[in-house]
Structures are given as C-alpha cells and as structure tokens.
Amino acid sequence: MSLNRYPDNWTELALAVKESANWQCQRCGRLCLKPGETLPDTLKRRAYVLQVHHWNLDPGDNRLENLVALCSSCHLAYHCRSRGNISPGQLSLDFKLPEYFYSFRQNESH
C-alpha cells in the first residue's frame, strides 16, 4: 500500500478505528485478529485481518465519520464492485513478463 496519500499518524489512527470497532468488521460482523494474535494453519488468515476503509475514497479525509473498520474480504469487495477507486499501488503486482511473451504477442497480431 502506498502511504504517501495518508497522514503521518495513519497507523495510530487506523488502530484507534479498529479498537473502536472491537476488532469486528462493521459490514459482516466477523471478529478479526488483534496485533500479535495468530490463527490455526487451517484458517485463511487474510479473511481475519481488519482494515480501515475511507467511505468517500479520499485517504486525506480522516474524519472519524469517514472511516470504517472492514475485514479484508469486505474491504476488497467494496473496491471490486466499483464502489471506489483503488489507491495507486494498493492492489498492484510488480513483475516483469518473460521476453517470449512479447514475441508471442507480436506474432499474434500478424
């Protein structure tokens, strides 16, 4: 996640929002992990991580009424259903394709 659009105290602010929600997703009600807690290997960890979402999609607007604690599944659902823009770098992958991919694509267009 790119933090350049977030305030310097984002980590503390996000922690306060999560604590205020009692570490529970405000959409689906799932209880999520607190810092330092672990899950058994049989459970999917990412579904139990609490994140903070900006309702108006502006990471610079950190009024409490604009912030909500969501589990990672619900947070991703809001962004994937075109209910918001995804911050630059937030869900991107940084990888280079093999050279043969480019030659394949070039031959495909002829």
Protein backbone atom coordinates (compact mmCIF):
# COMPACT_ATOMS: atom_id res chain seq x y z
CA MET A 1 0.00 0.00 0.00
CA SER A 2 1.32 3.43 -0.87
CA LEU A 3 1.34 5.57 2.25
CA ASN A 4 2.19 8.84 0.51
CA ARG A 5 -1.50 9.82 0.39
CA TYR A 6 -2.05 9.03 4.06
CA PRO A 7 -1.21 11.24 7.06
CA ASP A 8 1.89 10.62 9.16
CA ASN A 9 -0.26 9.29 12.02
CA TRP A 10 -2.22 6.83 9.83
CA THR A 11 -1.03 3.74 11.73
CA GLU A 12 -2.22 5.15 15.05
CA LEU A 13 -5.47 6.46 13.55
CA ALA A 14 -6.27 3.12 11.90
CA LEU A 15 -5.53 1.28 15.15
CA ALA A 16 -7.94 3.58 17.02
CA VAL A 17 -10.71 2.89 14.43
CA LYS A 18 -10.17 -0.87 14.75
CA GLU A 19 -10.19 -0.74 18.55
CA SER A 20 -13.36 1.37 18.48
CA ALA A 21 -14.99 -1.38 16.38
CA ASN A 22 -13.85 -4.00 18.92
CA TRP A 23 -11.82 -5.69 16.16
CA GLN A 24 -15.04 -6.63 14.33
CA CYS A 25 -15.89 -5.99 10.68
CA GLN A 26 -18.58 -3.31 10.53
CA ARG A 27 -20.13 -4.90 7.44
CA CYS A 28 -20.25 -8.67 8.06
CA GLY A 29 -19.56 -8.81 11.80
CA ARG A 30 -16.51 -11.11 11.53
CA LEU A 31 -14.18 -10.94 14.51
CA CYS A 32 -10.67 -10.19 13.30
CA LEU A 33 -7.17 -10.64 14.62
CA LYS A 34 -5.62 -8.14 17.02
CA PRO A 35 -1.91 -7.39 16.64
CA GLY A 36 0.11 -10.39 17.81
CA GLU A 37 -2.77 -12.88 17.62
CA THR A 38 -2.43 -15.95 15.41
CA LEU A 39 -4.82 -18.40 13.81
CA PRO A 40 -4.54 -22.15 13.35
CA ASP A 41 -2.99 -23.09 9.99
CA THR A 42 -6.37 -24.47 8.85
CA LEU A 43 -7.95 -21.00 8.69
CA LYS A 44 -7.34 -18.40 5.97
CA ARG A 45 -5.54 -15.53 7.66
CA ARG A 46 -6.38 -12.81 5.18
CA ALA A 47 -10.09 -13.09 5.87
CA TYR A 48 -9.44 -12.26 9.52
CA VAL A 49 -7.41 -9.09 9.07
CA LEU A 50 -9.19 -5.82 9.87
CA GLN A 51 -8.55 -2.84 7.58
CA VAL A 52 -9.79 0.76 7.57
CA HIS A 53 -11.82 2.00 4.60
CA HIS A 54 -12.50 5.64 3.64
CA TRP A 55 -16.17 5.96 2.71
CA ASN A 56 -15.51 8.89 0.38
CA LEU A 57 -12.38 7.18 -1.05
CA ASP A 58 -10.12 10.08 -0.08
CA PRO A 59 -7.17 8.89 2.05
CA GLY A 60 -6.59 12.50 3.08
CA ASP A 61 -10.04 12.78 4.69
CA ASN A 62 -9.58 11.10 8.04
CA ARG A 63 -12.61 12.37 9.91
CA LEU A 64 -13.94 9.55 12.09
CA GLU A 65 -17.29 9.60 10.29
CA ASN A 66 -15.43 8.87 7.03
CA LEU A 67 -13.62 5.80 8.39
CA VAL A 68 -14.95 2.27 8.91
CA ALA A 69 -13.31 -0.97 10.03
CA LEU A 70 -13.79 -3.78 7.49
CA CYS A 71 -12.35 -7.28 7.23
CA SER A 72 -10.08 -7.67 4.21
CA SER A 73 -12.79 -9.60 2.30
CA CYS A 74 -15.40 -6.88 2.73
CA HIS A 75 -12.86 -4.13 2.02
CA LEU A 76 -11.83 -5.78 -1.22
CA ALA A 77 -15.48 -6.30 -2.17
CA TYR A 78 -16.16 -2.56 -1.90
CA HIS A 79 -13.28 -1.79 -4.25
CA CYS A 80 -14.03 -4.61 -6.72
CA ARG A 81 -17.69 -3.69 -7.08
CA SER A 82 -16.74 -0.27 -8.41
CA ARG A 83 -17.75 1.35 -5.16
CA GLY A 84 -14.41 3.01 -5.05
CA ASN A 85 -11.14 3.65 -6.68
CA ILE A 86 -8.16 1.60 -5.62
CA SER A 87 -5.32 3.72 -4.36
CA PRO A 88 -2.24 3.58 -6.59
CA GLY A 89 -0.16 0.59 -5.61
CA GLN A 90 -2.71 -0.76 -3.15
CA LEU A 91 -3.60 -3.90 -5.11
CA SER A 92 -0.98 -3.89 -7.85
CA LEU A 93 1.61 -6.52 -8.67
CA ASP A 94 5.13 -5.61 -9.68
CA PHE A 95 6.52 -8.24 -12.00
CA LYS A 96 8.20 -8.46 -15.38
CA LEU A 97 6.87 -10.77 -18.08
CA PRO A 98 9.29 -13.16 -19.79
CA GLU A 99 10.72 -11.99 -23.10
CA TYR A 100 8.92 -14.76 -25.03
CA PHE A 101 5.59 -13.19 -24.03
CA TYR A 102 6.40 -10.09 -26.06
CA SER A 103 7.45 -12.08 -29.13
CA PHE A 104 4.29 -14.21 -28.82
CA ARG A 105 2.08 -11.09 -28.67
CA GLN A 106 3.90 -9.60 -31.66
CA ASN A 107 3.40 -12.76 -33.76
CA GLU A 108 -0.25 -12.97 -32.72
CA SER A 109 -1.03 -9.58 -34.27
CA HIS A 110 0.30 -10.58 -37.71
